[in-house]
């Protein structure tokens, strides 16, 4: 998509933010964002199962929101907006929410250890946002992701919440995932069996955390 096409459309007839909000192609992305908000709220309440379930649900929606959006006729600006919206939602769901979840549910360090935990959390969020900004500039590469895609760390956190880790384990998880998101790793885009395996991982987490909620 040429940026000049988007610029010409904006100059000719700039839509309001509400017009973009209400476009049906974005419904699944907004659904993922709402699940991320639910995960943060559950974490603040001390509900590890609800947090893990909501994070996994957000990642399922994120996995398929692009395919869902392509089912709708969209202008160049609407398509460009969809890319930006997806990354902004990921910045919340896979960037901030995992840190909130572990801060609320993992063991709480004190003293110098608390400073190291804070540093790991900041590193994770900074790397997630950097990874998503880089993706927005390179997303037309149809074969590879560069750096670990942000949904993977989010699902790792949701998996860890099956038995919430201690403070040091949580900090190590955040720091390791942060470095992996900005490392020069070439990760094949999941298709076929790979996509099914990733979606199956998220779905399994929904089932396992759901069973804890009703058990």
Protein backbone atom coordinates (compact mmCIF):
# COMPACT_ATOMS: atom_id res chain seq x y z
CA UNK A 1 0.00 0.00 0.00
CA UNK A 2 1.49 3.36 -1.01
CA UNK A 3 1.56 6.05 1.65
CA UNK A 4 0.70 8.56 -1.09
CA UNK A 5 -2.65 6.77 -1.59
CA UNK A 6 -3.45 7.18 2.09
CA UNK A 7 -2.31 10.80 2.08
CA UNK A 8 -4.46 11.60 -0.93
CA UNK A 9 -7.49 10.04 0.72
CA UNK A 10 -6.94 11.99 3.93
CA UNK A 11 -6.58 15.24 2.01
CA UNK A 12 -9.69 14.59 -0.07
CA UNK A 13 -12.10 13.48 2.63
CA UNK A 14 -10.61 13.00 6.09
CA UNK A 15 -12.87 10.65 8.08
CA UNK A 16 -13.51 11.15 11.76
CA UNK A 17 -11.99 8.73 14.27
CA UNK A 18 -15.52 7.45 14.91
CA UNK A 19 -15.85 6.42 11.26
CA UNK A 20 -12.79 4.20 11.64
CA UNK A 21 -13.92 2.91 15.02
CA UNK A 22 -17.26 1.76 13.64
CA UNK A 23 -15.91 -0.06 10.58
CA UNK A 24 -16.81 -3.76 10.97
CA UNK A 25 -13.38 -4.96 9.81
CA UNK A 26 -11.94 -3.82 13.17
CA UNK A 27 -14.40 -5.66 15.42
CA UNK A 28 -12.10 -8.59 16.21
CA UNK A 29 -9.20 -6.28 17.04
CA UNK A 30 -11.38 -4.30 19.43
CA UNK A 31 -12.58 -7.60 20.89
CA UNK A 32 -8.95 -8.53 21.57
CA UNK A 33 -8.40 -5.16 23.22
CA UNK A 34 -11.43 -5.67 25.48
CA UNK A 35 -10.07 -9.10 26.48
CA UNK A 36 -6.77 -7.44 27.37
CA UNK A 37 -8.56 -4.92 29.58
CA UNK A 38 -10.41 -7.82 31.24
CA UNK A 39 -7.07 -9.54 31.88
CA UNK A 40 -5.64 -6.45 33.58
CA UNK A 41 -8.75 -6.07 35.72
CA UNK A 42 -8.63 -9.74 36.74
CA UNK A 43 -4.95 -9.40 37.67
CA UNK A 44 -5.66 -6.42 39.91
CA UNK A 45 -8.30 -8.54 41.67
CA UNK A 46 -5.74 -11.32 42.20
CA UNK A 47 -7.51 -13.70 39.80
CA UNK A 48 -4.73 -15.65 38.04
CA UNK A 49 -7.12 -17.96 36.18
CA UNK A 50 -9.22 -15.11 34.85
CA UNK A 51 -6.09 -13.23 33.82
CA UNK A 52 -4.60 -16.18 31.96
CA UNK A 53 -7.89 -16.97 30.25
CA UNK A 54 -8.38 -13.39 29.07
CA UNK A 55 -4.79 -13.07 27.79
CA UNK A 56 -5.18 -16.30 25.82
CA UNK A 57 -8.54 -15.15 24.43
CA UNK A 58 -6.97 -11.86 23.34
CA UNK A 59 -4.22 -13.74 21.51
CA UNK A 60 -6.77 -15.93 19.72
CA UNK A 61 -8.57 -12.83 18.49
CA UNK A 62 -5.25 -11.23 17.51
CA UNK A 63 -4.26 -14.32 15.52
CA UNK A 64 -7.29 -14.08 13.27
CA UNK A 65 -8.16 -10.38 13.20
CA UNK A 66 -6.19 -9.77 10.00
CA UNK A 67 -7.97 -12.59 8.18
CA UNK A 68 -11.28 -11.30 9.52
CA UNK A 69 -10.55 -7.74 8.35
CA UNK A 70 -9.70 -8.87 4.83
CA UNK A 71 -13.25 -10.16 4.41
CA UNK A 72 -14.46 -6.56 4.21
CA UNK A 73 -14.07 -4.02 1.45
CA UNK A 74 -11.73 -1.29 2.74
CA UNK A 75 -10.23 1.89 1.39
CA UNK A 76 -6.42 2.35 1.45
CA UNK A 77 -6.73 4.44 4.61
CA UNK A 78 -8.94 1.86 6.32
CA UNK A 79 -6.40 -0.85 5.54
CA UNK A 80 -3.53 1.30 6.83
CA UNK A 81 -5.52 2.11 9.95
CA UNK A 82 -6.13 -1.60 10.54
CA UNK A 83 -2.38 -2.24 10.62
CA UNK A 84 -1.81 0.57 13.11
CA UNK A 85 -4.77 -0.46 15.26
CA UNK A 86 -3.57 -4.05 15.43
CA UNK A 87 -0.14 -2.97 16.66
CA UNK A 88 -1.61 -0.51 19.18
CA UNK A 89 -3.86 -3.24 20.57
CA UNK A 90 -0.86 -5.58 20.75
CA UNK A 91 1.09 -2.91 22.64
CA UNK A 92 -1.61 -3.10 25.32
CA UNK A 93 -2.42 -6.82 25.24
CA UNK A 94 1.06 -8.27 24.71
CA UNK A 95 3.14 -5.33 25.94
CA UNK A 96 1.58 -3.86 29.07
CA UNK A 97 -0.91 -6.49 30.24
CA UNK A 98 1.69 -9.28 30.83
CA UNK A 99 3.68 -6.89 33.05
CA UNK A 100 0.55 -5.92 34.99
CA UNK A 101 -0.35 -9.59 35.35
CA UNK A 102 3.02 -10.65 36.71
CA UNK A 103 3.34 -7.55 38.91
CA UNK A 104 -0.01 -8.35 40.52
CA UNK A 105 0.20 -12.14 40.67
CA UNK A 106 3.86 -13.16 40.94
CA UNK A 107 5.90 -12.91 44.10
CA UNK A 108 6.73 -9.35 45.12
CA UNK A 109 10.42 -8.49 45.58
CA UNK A 110 11.69 -5.81 47.92
CA UNK A 111 14.73 -3.56 48.14
CA UNK A 112 17.31 -3.91 45.38
CA UNK A 113 15.40 -6.86 43.94
CA UNK A 114 12.41 -4.60 43.35
CA UNK A 115 14.58 -2.27 41.27
CA UNK A 116 15.76 -5.19 39.13
CA UNK A 117 12.16 -6.35 38.66
CA UNK A 118 11.18 -2.85 37.56
CA UNK A 119 14.12 -2.80 35.10
CA UNK A 120 13.03 -6.15 33.62
CA UNK A 121 9.46 -4.88 33.26
CA UNK A 122 10.60 -1.67 31.55
CA UNK A 123 12.87 -3.67 29.24
CA UNK A 124 9.99 -5.94 28.27
CA UNK A 125 7.59 -3.11 27.47
CA UNK A 126 10.22 -1.11 25.59
CA UNK A 127 11.15 -4.15 23.49
CA UNK A 128 7.51 -5.01 22.79
CA UNK A 129 6.75 -1.49 21.57
CA UNK A 130 9.96 -1.41 19.52
CA UNK A 131 9.13 -4.77 17.97
CA UNK A 132 5.64 -3.55 17.02
CA UNK A 133 6.95 -0.29 15.56
CA UNK A 134 9.45 -2.25 13.48
CA UNK A 135 6.68 -4.57 12.34
CA UNK A 136 4.60 -1.63 11.12
CA UNK A 137 7.48 -0.67 8.81
CA UNK A 138 8.19 -4.20 7.56
CA UNK A 139 4.84 -6.01 7.70
CA UNK A 140 4.68 -6.42 3.93
CA UNK A 141 7.38 -9.11 4.23
CA UNK A 142 5.13 -12.12 3.80
CA UNK A 143 7.63 -14.84 4.76
CA UNK A 144 9.30 -13.86 8.02
CA UNK A 145 8.89 -12.03 11.27
CA UNK A 146 12.07 -10.39 12.53
CA UNK A 147 12.19 -10.83 16.29
CA UNK A 148 9.89 -12.98 18.38
CA UNK A 149 6.28 -11.94 17.65
CA UNK A 150 4.64 -10.30 20.67
CA UNK A 151 1.79 -12.84 21.01
CA UNK A 152 4.31 -15.55 21.94
CA UNK A 153 5.54 -13.84 25.14
CA UNK A 154 1.93 -13.07 26.05
CA UNK A 155 1.03 -16.76 25.82
CA UNK A 156 4.16 -17.67 27.78
CA UNK A 157 2.94 -15.40 30.58
CA UNK A 158 -0.54 -16.91 30.37
CA UNK A 159 1.06 -20.35 30.62
CA UNK A 160 3.17 -19.29 33.61
CA UNK A 161 -0.02 -18.16 35.36
CA UNK A 162 -1.22 -21.77 35.56
CA UNK A 163 1.11 -21.81 38.58
CA UNK A 164 2.12 -18.18 39.19
CA UNK A 165 5.91 -17.82 39.33
CA UNK A 166 8.02 -16.17 41.97
CA UNK A 167 9.42 -12.68 41.53
CA UNK A 168 12.79 -13.76 40.11
CA UNK A 169 11.23 -16.21 37.67
CA UNK A 170 8.82 -13.53 36.49
CA UNK A 171 11.62 -11.02 36.01
CA UNK A 172 13.68 -13.56 34.06
CA UNK A 173 10.69 -14.38 31.85
CA UNK A 174 10.09 -10.70 31.06
CA UNK A 175 13.75 -9.94 30.39
CA UNK A 176 14.27 -13.02 28.21
CA UNK A 177 11.14 -12.37 26.15
CA UNK A 178 12.07 -8.71 25.78
CA UNK A 179 15.48 -9.52 24.33
CA UNK A 180 13.97 -12.14 22.00
CA UNK A 181 11.45 -9.65 20.61
CA UNK A 182 14.19 -7.31 19.34
CA UNK A 183 16.83 -9.91 18.47
CA UNK A 184 17.65 -10.48 14.77
CA UNK A 185 15.68 -13.72 14.72
CA UNK A 186 13.94 -14.78 11.54
CA UNK A 187 10.71 -16.44 12.57
CA UNK A 188 8.63 -17.99 9.78
CA UNK A 189 5.09 -16.66 9.61
CA UNK A 190 2.84 -19.44 10.90
CA UNK A 191 0.68 -21.13 8.31
CA UNK A 192 -1.16 -24.40 8.19
CA UNK A 193 0.00 -26.71 10.96
CA UNK A 194 2.09 -23.98 12.61
CA UNK A 195 -0.87 -21.61 12.81
CA UNK A 196 -3.11 -24.40 14.09
CA UNK A 197 -0.54 -25.28 16.78
CA UNK A 198 -0.30 -21.69 17.97
CA UNK A 199 -4.08 -21.26 18.05
CA UNK A 200 -4.36 -24.65 19.78
CA UNK A 201 -1.91 -23.51 22.47
CA UNK A 202 -4.03 -20.44 23.16
CA UNK A 203 -7.24 -22.46 23.12
CA UNK A 204 -5.78 -25.02 25.53
CA UNK A 205 -4.92 -22.18 27.92
CA UNK A 206 -8.50 -20.92 27.72
CA UNK A 207 -9.73 -24.41 28.65
CA UNK A 208 -7.21 -24.94 31.46
CA UNK A 209 -7.73 -21.53 33.04
CA UNK A 210 -11.48 -21.84 32.52
CA UNK A 211 -11.46 -25.16 34.36
CA UNK A 212 -9.71 -23.46 37.28
CA UNK A 213 -12.36 -20.76 37.34
CA UNK A 214 -15.27 -23.20 37.55
CA UNK A 215 -13.46 -25.84 39.62
